[in-house]
Amino acid sequence: MPKNYYDSVLLEFNTLLSEINDDLDFLRSSLKIRPRLSSLLDWTNLDPAGKDLANSFISKKTPAVSPAYLGMLVTMLGGFEQFVRKFVETTVSEINRKITAFDRVPERVKEQNIHFTGRALCLLREPLDHIVINHEEMVAKLATCTSGSMSYKLNSAAFSISVRNLTPSHLTEIVKILGIEIDWDYFGRIPEYSTMFGTSGARATNRAIQDKLSHLVKLRNRVAHTGYAGITVTDQDLEGYLKFIKIFATDIAIYISTKISKMQ
């Protein structure tokens, strides 16, 4: 059994990050071995097809690797967005489980349930590509959300349609939808971030975290909407981005789940 309600969602995201790291390692190895490949091969025992393949690889000019790094960056941030989307869904499901009486659900969460269910139902004729919505199920669940109900079901999938470009300000709004105020200084007090950014004090570290998140979203948007011309990401940049987003995903999950655990 999972220790935390979000464990499977976090594991899925961390698996994606591991796959991206594997791709990064493969690209590094390919770049290192190409200049040395000729001296490493036993050319006399290579068959003609093998020689052609090796010569073709060796003769290639050194590629511009930044586009590959940018592709990994876009994949990483798309995965982070999907992680937050699924985390929101599982958190709403946890509220359903933890708070047995609808009357005890925070008013803001009740309001957002109506608001986002309405938005989801409006997508009936123009569904989103990245979210599957069962409209009949949503209508049925909404009907359970009435005063006095002891068997209500908030529409967890509806809440997830709020997740898009995860800038700090938008992430703050998403957390508010769940009835929680985000305290960025909480993250600023986590030692890993001050070590990562070379900052001192919760406020300065908090600012560095938000700046990093904003930078990543802006970078992803530029790549997605303009291509990679004029945009450079290095091996070291990508490695740092992967490290940051992995730590931050875990910490945001811990922060929100701790707040949810105190709801009654």
C-alpha atoms as a PDB file:
ATOM      1  CA  MET A   1       0.000   0.000   0.000  1.00  0.00           C
ATOM      2  CA  PRO A   2       1.281   3.512  -0.794  1.00  0.00           C
ATOM      3  CA  LYS A   3       2.427   5.480   2.254  1.00  0.00           C
ATOM      4  CA  ASN A   4       1.003   8.746   0.888  1.00  0.00           C
ATOM      5  CA  TYR A   5      -2.035   9.267  -1.317  1.00  0.00           C
ATOM      6  CA  TYR A   6       0.125  10.894  -3.993  1.00  0.00           C
ATOM      7  CA  ASP A   7       2.920   8.275  -4.090  1.00  0.00           C
ATOM      8  CA  SER A   8       1.913   6.670  -7.401  1.00  0.00           C
ATOM      9  CA  VAL A   9       1.598  10.063  -9.104  1.00  0.00           C
ATOM     10  CA  LEU A  10       5.019  11.171  -7.862  1.00  0.00           C
ATOM     11  CA  LEU A  11       6.549   7.836  -8.851  1.00  0.00           C
ATOM     12  CA  GLU A  12       5.208   8.242 -12.394  1.00  0.00           C
ATOM     13  CA  PHE A  13       6.796  11.677 -12.683  1.00  0.00           C
ATOM     14  CA  ASN A  14      10.110  10.552 -11.190  1.00  0.00           C
ATOM     15  CA  THR A  15      10.162   7.654 -13.667  1.00  0.00           C
ATOM     16  CA  LEU A  16       9.834  10.155 -16.508  1.00  0.00           C
ATOM     17  CA  LEU A  17      12.701  12.208 -15.076  1.00  0.00           C
ATOM     18  CA  SER A  18      14.840   9.063 -14.844  1.00  0.00           C
ATOM     19  CA  GLU A  19      14.119   8.305 -18.500  1.00  0.00           C
ATOM     20  CA  ILE A  20      15.139  11.830 -19.496  1.00  0.00           C
ATOM     21  CA  ASN A  21      18.343  11.444 -17.462  1.00  0.00           C
ATOM     22  CA  ASP A  22      19.031   8.172 -19.290  1.00  0.00           C
ATOM     23  CA  ASP A  23      18.535   9.948 -22.629  1.00  0.00           C
ATOM     24  CA  LEU A  24      20.888  12.702 -21.496  1.00  0.00           C
ATOM     25  CA  ASP A  25      23.523  10.149 -20.499  1.00  0.00           C
ATOM     26  CA  PHE A  26      23.187   8.405 -23.881  1.00  0.00           C
ATOM     27  CA  LEU A  27      23.644  11.704 -25.720  1.00  0.00           C
ATOM     28  CA  ARG A  28      26.719  12.502 -23.627  1.00  0.00           C
ATOM     29  CA  SER A  29      28.223   9.101 -24.395  1.00  0.00           C
ATOM     30  CA  SER A  30      27.485   9.465 -28.110  1.00  0.00           C
ATOM     31  CA  LEU A  31      29.223  12.843 -28.231  1.00  0.00           C
ATOM     32  CA  LYS A  32      32.264  11.502 -26.383  1.00  0.00           C
ATOM     33  CA  ILE A  33      32.677   8.294 -28.337  1.00  0.00           C
ATOM     34  CA  ARG A  34      32.255   9.650 -31.883  1.00  0.00           C
ATOM     35  CA  PRO A  35      35.722  11.295 -32.095  1.00  0.00           C
ATOM     36  CA  ARG A  36      37.334   8.144 -30.636  1.00  0.00           C
ATOM     37  CA  LEU A  37      35.319   5.518 -32.482  1.00  0.00           C
ATOM     38  CA  SER A  38      37.786   4.977 -35.329  1.00  0.00           C
ATOM     39  CA  SER A  39      40.601   3.986 -32.960  1.00  0.00           C
ATOM     40  CA  LEU A  40      38.324   1.709 -30.947  1.00  0.00           C
ATOM     41  CA  LEU A  41      37.062  -0.403 -33.872  1.00  0.00           C
ATOM     42  CA  ASP A  42      38.670  -3.514 -35.351  1.00  0.00           C
ATOM     43  CA  TRP A  43      38.254  -2.347 -38.930  1.00  0.00           C
ATOM     44  CA  THR A  44      39.755  -5.498 -40.488  1.00  0.00           C
ATOM     45  CA  ASN A  45      36.998  -7.678 -39.068  1.00  0.00           C
ATOM     46  CA  LEU A  46      34.095  -5.310 -39.745  1.00  0.00           C
ATOM     47  CA  ASP A  47      31.659  -6.402 -42.440  1.00  0.00           C
ATOM     48  CA  PRO A  48      30.967  -3.879 -45.269  1.00  0.00           C
ATOM     49  CA  ALA A  49      27.672  -2.753 -43.788  1.00  0.00           C
ATOM     50  CA  GLY A  50      29.343  -2.189 -40.414  1.00  0.00           C
ATOM     51  CA  LYS A  51      32.148  -0.186 -42.016  1.00  0.00           C
ATOM     52  CA  ASP A  52      29.654   1.993 -43.899  1.00  0.00           C
ATOM     53  CA  LEU A  53      27.698   2.632 -40.712  1.00  0.00           C
ATOM     54  CA  ALA A  54      30.808   3.480 -38.700  1.00  0.00           C
ATOM     55  CA  ASN A  55      32.205   5.760 -41.423  1.00  0.00           C
ATOM     56  CA  SER A  56      28.868   7.507 -41.747  1.00  0.00           C
ATOM     57  CA  PHE A  57      28.743   8.159 -37.994  1.00  0.00           C
ATOM     58  CA  ILE A  58      32.369   9.275 -37.749  1.00  0.00           C
ATOM     59  CA  SER A  59      32.131  11.613 -40.761  1.00  0.00           C
ATOM     60  CA  LYS A  60      29.182  13.546 -39.374  1.00  0.00           C
ATOM     61  CA  LYS A  61      29.970  17.016 -38.169  1.00  0.00           C
ATOM     62  CA  THR A  62      29.502  17.631 -34.466  1.00  0.00           C
ATOM     63  CA  PRO A  63      25.750  18.240 -34.098  1.00  0.00           C
ATOM     64  CA  ALA A  64      24.110  21.239 -32.471  1.00  0.00           C
ATOM     65  CA  VAL A  65      22.933  19.462 -29.326  1.00  0.00           C
ATOM     66  CA  SER A  66      20.932  22.317 -27.841  1.00  0.00           C
ATOM     67  CA  PRO A  67      17.760  21.320 -29.791  1.00  0.00           C
ATOM     68  CA  ALA A  68      17.975  17.859 -28.204  1.00  0.00           C
ATOM     69  CA  TYR A  69      18.357  19.411 -24.752  1.00  0.00           C
ATOM     70  CA  LEU A  70      15.421  21.710 -25.421  1.00  0.00           C
ATOM     71  CA  GLY A  71      13.296  18.723 -26.448  1.00  0.00           C
ATOM     72  CA  MET A  72      14.121  17.090 -23.134  1.00  0.00           C
ATOM     73  CA  LEU A  73      13.269  20.338 -21.344  1.00  0.00           C
ATOM     74  CA  VAL A  74       9.852  20.545 -23.011  1.00  0.00           C
ATOM     75  CA  THR A  75       9.200  16.894 -22.110  1.00  0.00           C
ATOM     76  CA  MET A  76      10.255  17.523 -18.508  1.00  0.00           C
ATOM     77  CA  LEU A  77       7.935  20.498 -18.096  1.00  0.00           C
ATOM     78  CA  GLY A  78       5.049  18.752 -19.855  1.00  0.00           C
ATOM     79  CA  GLY A  79       5.555  15.904 -17.394  1.00  0.00           C
ATOM     80  CA  PHE A  80       5.612  18.341 -14.475  1.00  0.00           C
ATOM     81  CA  GLU A  81       2.346  19.867 -15.651  1.00  0.00           C
ATOM     82  CA  GLN A  82       0.809  16.400 -15.902  1.00  0.00           C
ATOM     83  CA  PHE A  83       2.146  15.578 -12.430  1.00  0.00           C
ATOM     84  CA  VAL A  84       0.460  18.653 -10.958  1.00  0.00           C
ATOM     85  CA  ARG A  85      -2.744  17.837 -12.853  1.00  0.00           C
ATOM     86  CA  LYS A  86      -2.870  14.304 -11.487  1.00  0.00           C
ATOM     87  CA  PHE A  87      -1.785  15.475  -8.043  1.00  0.00           C
ATOM     88  CA  VAL A  88      -4.709  17.926  -7.959  1.00  0.00           C
ATOM     89  CA  GLU A  89      -7.084  15.099  -8.908  1.00  0.00           C
ATOM     90  CA  THR A  90      -5.747  12.772  -6.225  1.00  0.00           C
ATOM     91  CA  THR A  91      -5.854  15.575  -3.653  1.00  0.00           C
ATOM     92  CA  VAL A  92      -9.529  16.265  -4.373  1.00  0.00           C
ATOM     93  CA  SER A  93     -10.177  12.529  -4.108  1.00  0.00           C
ATOM     94  CA  GLU A  94      -8.395  12.596  -0.742  1.00  0.00           C
ATOM     95  CA  ILE A  95     -10.711  15.402   0.410  1.00  0.00           C
ATOM     96  CA  ASN A  96     -13.648  13.211  -0.640  1.00  0.00           C
ATOM     97  CA  ARG A  97     -12.238  10.381   1.476  1.00  0.00           C
ATOM     98  CA  LYS A  98     -11.118  12.395   4.487  1.00  0.00           C
ATOM     99  CA  ILE A  99     -14.069  14.757   4.981  1.00  0.00           C
ATOM    100  CA  THR A 100     -17.130  12.557   5.273  1.00  0.00           C
ATOM    101  CA  ALA A 101     -19.777  15.317   5.452  1.00  0.00           C
ATOM    102  CA  PHE A 102     -20.227  17.759   2.583  1.00  0.00           C
ATOM    103  CA  ASP A 103     -21.096  20.548   5.021  1.00  0.00           C
ATOM    104  CA  ARG A 104     -17.539  20.373   6.429  1.00  0.00           C
ATOM    105  CA  VAL A 105     -15.856  20.840   3.046  1.00  0.00           C
ATOM    106  CA  PRO A 106     -14.214  24.316   2.889  1.00  0.00           C
ATOM    107  CA  GLU A 107     -16.511  26.827   1.183  1.00  0.00           C
ATOM    108  CA  ARG A 108     -13.853  27.774  -1.362  1.00  0.00           C
ATOM    109  CA  VAL A 109     -13.525  24.143  -2.427  1.00  0.00           C
ATOM    110  CA  LYS A 110     -17.328  23.839  -2.766  1.00  0.00           C
ATOM    111  CA  GLU A 111     -17.403  26.949  -4.961  1.00  0.00           C
ATOM    112  CA  GLN A 112     -14.515  25.735  -7.114  1.00  0.00           C
ATOM    113  CA  ASN A 113     -16.218  22.362  -7.544  1.00  0.00           C
ATOM    114  CA  ILE A 114     -19.244  24.094  -9.098  1.00  0.00           C
ATOM    115  CA  HIS A 115     -17.089  26.492 -11.127  1.00  0.00           C
ATOM    116  CA  PHE A 116     -14.767  23.909 -12.656  1.00  0.00           C
ATOM    117  CA  THR A 117     -17.507  21.342 -13.191  1.00  0.00           C
ATOM    118  CA  GLY A 118     -19.337  24.012 -15.175  1.00  0.00           C
ATOM    119  CA  ARG A 119     -16.210  24.753 -17.204  1.00  0.00           C
ATOM    120  CA  ALA A 120     -15.652  21.045 -17.847  1.00  0.00           C
ATOM    121  CA  LEU A 121     -19.233  20.560 -19.016  1.00  0.00           C
ATOM    122  CA  CYS A 122     -18.796  23.451 -21.448  1.00  0.00           C
ATOM    123  CA  LEU A 123     -16.057  21.412 -23.135  1.00  0.00           C
ATOM    124  CA  LEU A 124     -18.543  18.772 -24.281  1.00  0.00           C
ATOM    125  CA  ARG A 125     -18.380  19.821 -27.952  1.00  0.00           C
ATOM    126  CA  GLU A 126     -14.744  20.968 -27.926  1.00  0.00           C
ATOM    127  CA  PRO A 127     -12.913  18.542 -25.614  1.00  0.00           C
ATOM    128  CA  LEU A 128      -9.339  19.131 -24.531  1.00  0.00           C
ATOM    129  CA  ASP A 129      -6.677  16.911 -26.073  1.00  0.00           C
ATOM    130  CA  HIS A 130      -4.867  16.211 -22.803  1.00  0.00           C
ATOM    131  CA  ILE A 131      -7.759  15.570 -20.395  1.00  0.00           C
ATOM    132  CA  VAL A 132     -10.435  12.874 -20.611  1.00  0.00           C
ATOM    133  CA  ILE A 133     -13.760  14.013 -19.170  1.00  0.00           C
ATOM    134  CA  ASN A 134     -16.769  11.812 -18.474  1.00  0.00           C
ATOM    135  CA  HIS A 135     -19.559  14.387 -18.578  1.00  0.00           C
ATOM    136  CA  GLU A 136     -22.313  12.071 -17.363  1.00  0.00           C
ATOM    137  CA  GLU A 137     -20.228  11.083 -14.360  1.00  0.00           C
ATOM    138  CA  MET A 138     -19.537  14.738 -13.578  1.00  0.00           C
ATOM    139  CA  VAL A 139     -23.227  15.612 -13.616  1.00  0.00           C
ATOM    140  CA  ALA A 140     -23.985  12.660 -11.323  1.00  0.00           C
ATOM    141  CA  LYS A 141     -21.226  13.628  -8.873  1.00  0.00           C
ATOM    142  CA  LEU A 142     -22.285  17.274  -8.811  1.00  0.00           C
ATOM    143  CA  ALA A 143     -25.801  16.166  -7.833  1.00  0.00           C
ATOM    144  CA  THR A 144     -24.356  14.566  -4.664  1.00  0.00           C
ATOM    145  CA  CYS A 145     -22.826  17.848  -3.480  1.00  0.00           C
ATOM    146  CA  THR A 146     -25.730  19.165  -1.424  1.00  0.00           C
ATOM    147  CA  SER A 147     -26.080  20.318   2.167  1.00  0.00           C
ATOM    148  CA  GLY A 148     -26.428  17.392   4.540  1.00  0.00           C
ATOM    149  CA  SER A 149     -24.924  14.877   2.127  1.00  0.00           C
ATOM    150  CA  MET A 150     -22.764  12.171   3.716  1.00  0.00           C
ATOM    151  CA  SER A 151     -21.937  10.514   0.392  1.00  0.00           C
ATOM    152  CA  TYR A 152     -20.895  13.476  -1.736  1.00  0.00           C
ATOM    153  CA  LYS A 153     -18.239  13.303  -4.485  1.00  0.00           C
ATOM    154  CA  LEU A 154     -16.326  16.389  -5.586  1.00  0.00           C
ATOM    155  CA  ASN A 155     -15.403  16.271  -9.283  1.00  0.00           C
ATOM    156  CA  SER A 156     -11.658  15.666  -9.052  1.00  0.00           C
ATOM    157  CA  ALA A 157     -11.165  15.626 -12.839  1.00  0.00           C
ATOM    158  CA  ALA A 158     -12.858  19.016 -13.174  1.00  0.00           C
ATOM    159  CA  PHE A 159     -10.339  20.652 -10.838  1.00  0.00           C
ATOM    160  CA  SER A 160      -7.489  19.491 -13.063  1.00  0.00           C
ATOM    161  CA  ILE A 161      -8.560  21.632 -16.016  1.00  0.00           C
ATOM    162  CA  SER A 162      -7.208  24.641 -14.114  1.00  0.00           C
ATOM    163  CA  VAL A 163      -3.634  23.380 -14.566  1.00  0.00           C
ATOM    164  CA  ARG A 164      -1.659  25.040 -17.349  1.00  0.00           C
ATOM    165  CA  ASN A 165       1.557  27.131 -17.495  1.00  0.00           C
ATOM    166  CA  LEU A 166       2.865  26.598 -13.983  1.00  0.00           C
ATOM    167  CA  THR A 167       4.306  29.993 -13.155  1.00  0.00           C
ATOM    168  CA  PRO A 168       4.591  30.713  -9.419  1.00  0.00           C
ATOM    169  CA  SER A 169       1.501  32.948  -9.527  1.00  0.00           C
ATOM    170  CA  HIS A 170      -0.577  30.325 -11.308  1.00  0.00           C
ATOM    171  CA  LEU A 171       0.648  27.548  -9.033  1.00  0.00           C
ATOM    172  CA  THR A 172      -0.400  29.730  -6.092  1.00  0.00           C
ATOM    173  CA  GLU A 173      -3.900  30.003  -7.588  1.00  0.00           C
ATOM    174  CA  ILE A 174      -4.105  26.232  -8.112  1.00  0.00           C
ATOM    175  CA  VAL A 175      -3.225  25.645  -4.468  1.00  0.00           C
ATOM    176  CA  LYS A 176      -5.905  28.165  -3.442  1.00  0.00           C
ATOM    177  CA  ILE A 177      -8.461  26.167  -5.436  1.00  0.00           C
ATOM    178  CA  LEU A 178      -7.772  23.319  -3.023  1.00  0.00           C
ATOM    179  CA  GLY A 179      -8.524  25.601  -0.089  1.00  0.00           C
ATOM    180  CA  ILE A 180      -4.856  26.161   0.805  1.00  0.00           C
ATOM    181  CA  GLU A 181      -2.690  29.276   0.914  1.00  0.00           C
ATOM    182  CA  ILE A 182       0.829  28.621  -0.309  1.00  0.00           C
ATOM    183  CA  ASP A 183       3.686  29.921   1.831  1.00  0.00           C
ATOM    184  CA  TRP A 184       6.680  30.291  -0.466  1.00  0.00           C
ATOM    185  CA  ASP A 185       8.946  30.934   2.526  1.00  0.00           C
ATOM    186  CA  TYR A 186       8.267  27.329   3.555  1.00  0.00           C
ATOM    187  CA  PHE A 187      10.211  26.243   0.485  1.00  0.00           C
ATOM    188  CA  GLY A 188      12.800  28.939   1.112  1.00  0.00           C
ATOM    189  CA  ARG A 189      13.621  27.319   4.439  1.00  0.00           C
ATOM    190  CA  ILE A 190      14.481  23.952   2.840  1.00  0.00           C
ATOM    191  CA  PRO A 191      18.320  23.665   2.872  1.00  0.00           C
ATOM    192  CA  GLU A 192      18.582  21.937  -0.527  1.00  0.00           C
ATOM    193  CA  TYR A 193      17.423  25.093  -2.285  1.00  0.00           C
ATOM    194  CA  SER A 194      19.786  27.476  -0.513  1.00  0.00           C
ATOM    195  CA  THR A 195      22.632  25.090  -1.438  1.00  0.00           C
ATOM    196  CA  MET A 196      21.399  24.870  -5.024  1.00  0.00           C
ATOM    197  CA  PHE A 197      21.079  28.627  -5.518  1.00  0.00           C
ATOM    198  CA  GLY A 198      23.786  29.862  -3.159  1.00  0.00           C
ATOM    199  CA  THR A 199      21.269  32.001  -1.258  1.00  0.00           C
ATOM    200  CA  SER A 200      20.966  32.895   2.408  1.00  0.00           C
ATOM    201  CA  GLY A 201      17.642  33.260   4.217  1.00  0.00           C
ATOM    202  CA  ALA A 202      14.145  32.037   3.447  1.00  0.00           C
ATOM    203  CA  ARG A 203      13.054  35.139   1.544  1.00  0.00           C
ATOM    204  CA  ALA A 204      16.020  35.203  -0.840  1.00  0.00           C
ATOM    205  CA  THR A 205      15.778  31.455  -1.429  1.00  0.00           C
ATOM    206  CA  ASN A 206      12.018  31.670  -1.939  1.00  0.00           C
ATOM    207  CA  ARG A 207      12.622  34.327  -4.588  1.00  0.00           C
ATOM    208  CA  ALA A 208      15.253  32.178  -6.308  1.00  0.00           C
ATOM    209  CA  ILE A 209      12.843  29.210  -6.436  1.00  0.00           C
ATOM    210  CA  GLN A 210      10.100  31.325  -8.006  1.00  0.00           C
ATOM    211  CA  ASP A 211      12.547  32.881 -10.470  1.00  0.00           C
ATOM    212  CA  LYS A 212      13.748  29.437 -11.545  1.00  0.00           C
ATOM    213  CA  LEU A 213      10.201  28.181 -12.061  1.00  0.00           C
ATOM    214  CA  SER A 214       9.269  31.321 -14.036  1.00  0.00           C
ATOM    215  CA  HIS A 215      12.392  30.971 -16.187  1.00  0.00           C
ATOM    216  CA  LEU A 216      11.592  27.347 -17.031  1.00  0.00           C
ATOM    217  CA  VAL A 217       8.009  28.130 -18.037  1.00  0.00           C
ATOM    218  CA  LYS A 218       9.093  31.077 -20.198  1.00  0.00           C
ATOM    219  CA  LEU A 219      11.793  28.961 -21.827  1.00  0.00           C
ATOM    220  CA  ARG A 220       9.330  26.155 -22.577  1.00  0.00           C
ATOM    221  CA  ASN A 221       6.844  28.618 -24.081  1.00  0.00           C
ATOM    222  CA  ARG A 222       9.490  30.227 -26.288  1.00  0.00           C
ATOM    223  CA  VAL A 223      10.568  26.840 -27.625  1.00  0.00           C
ATOM    224  CA  ALA A 224       6.993  25.628 -28.135  1.00  0.00           C
ATOM    225  CA  HIS A 225       5.868  28.767 -29.963  1.00  0.00           C
ATOM    226  CA  THR A 226       8.978  29.947 -31.821  1.00  0.00           C
ATOM    227  CA  GLY A 227      11.251  26.934 -32.264  1.00  0.00           C
ATOM    228  CA  TYR A 228      14.805  26.854 -30.917  1.00  0.00           C
ATOM    229  CA  ALA A 229      16.463  29.654 -32.927  1.00  0.00           C
ATOM    230  CA  GLY A 230      18.448  31.847 -30.572  1.00  0.00           C
ATOM    231  CA  ILE A 231      17.734  29.650 -27.541  1.00  0.00           C
ATOM    232  CA  THR A 232      20.607  27.715 -26.015  1.00  0.00           C
ATOM    233  CA  VAL A 233      20.466  25.122 -23.255  1.00  0.00           C
ATOM    234  CA  THR A 234      23.613  23.281 -22.217  1.00  0.00           C
ATOM    235  CA  ASP A 235      24.136  19.838 -20.741  1.00  0.00           C
ATOM    236  CA  GLN A 236      24.798  21.435 -17.347  1.00  0.00           C
ATOM    237  CA  ASP A 237      21.679  23.621 -17.628  1.00  0.00           C
ATOM    238  CA  LEU A 238      19.449  20.626 -18.279  1.00  0.00           C
ATOM    239  CA  GLU A 239      21.038  18.621 -15.484  1.00  0.00           C
ATOM    240  CA  GLY A 240      20.317  21.484 -13.083  1.00  0.00           C
ATOM    241  CA  TYR A 241      16.727  21.842 -14.309  1.00  0.00           C
ATOM    242  CA  LEU A 242      16.093  18.123 -13.803  1.00  0.00           C
ATOM    243  CA  LYS A 243      17.497  18.231 -10.291  1.00  0.00           C
ATOM    244  CA  PHE A 244      15.434  21.306  -9.367  1.00  0.00           C
ATOM    245  CA  ILE A 245      12.110  20.069 -10.742  1.00  0.00           C
ATOM    246  CA  LYS A 246      12.472  16.663  -9.058  1.00  0.00           C
ATOM    247  CA  ILE A 247      13.061  18.221  -5.641  1.00  0.00           C
ATOM    248  CA  PHE A 248      10.347  20.828  -6.116  1.00  0.00           C
ATOM    249  CA  ALA A 249       7.704  18.275  -7.202  1.00  0.00           C
ATOM    250  CA  THR A 250       8.337  16.254  -4.052  1.00  0.00           C
ATOM    251  CA  ASP A 251       8.270  19.304  -1.796  1.00  0.00           C
ATOM    252  CA  ILE A 252       5.047  20.741  -3.239  1.00  0.00           C
ATOM    253  CA  ALA A 253       3.384  17.347  -2.774  1.00  0.00           C
ATOM    254  CA  ILE A 254       4.534  17.156   0.850  1.00  0.00           C
ATOM    255  CA  TYR A 255       3.417  20.743   1.545  1.00  0.00           C
ATOM    256  CA  ILE A 256      -0.099  20.320   0.147  1.00  0.00           C
ATOM    257  CA  SER A 257      -0.684  16.832   1.551  1.00  0.00           C
ATOM    258  CA  THR A 258       0.336  18.036   5.021  1.00  0.00           C
ATOM    259  CA  LYS A 259      -2.254  20.821   4.808  1.00  0.00           C
ATOM    260  CA  ILE A 260      -4.911  18.389   3.565  1.00  0.00           C
ATOM    261  CA  SER A 261      -4.184  16.018   6.458  1.00  0.00           C
ATOM    262  CA  LYS A 262      -5.254  18.761   8.880  1.00  0.00           C
ATOM    263  CA  MET A 263      -8.651  19.220   7.247  1.00  0.00           C
ATOM    264  CA  GLN A 264     -11.549  17.741   9.217  1.00  0.00           C
END
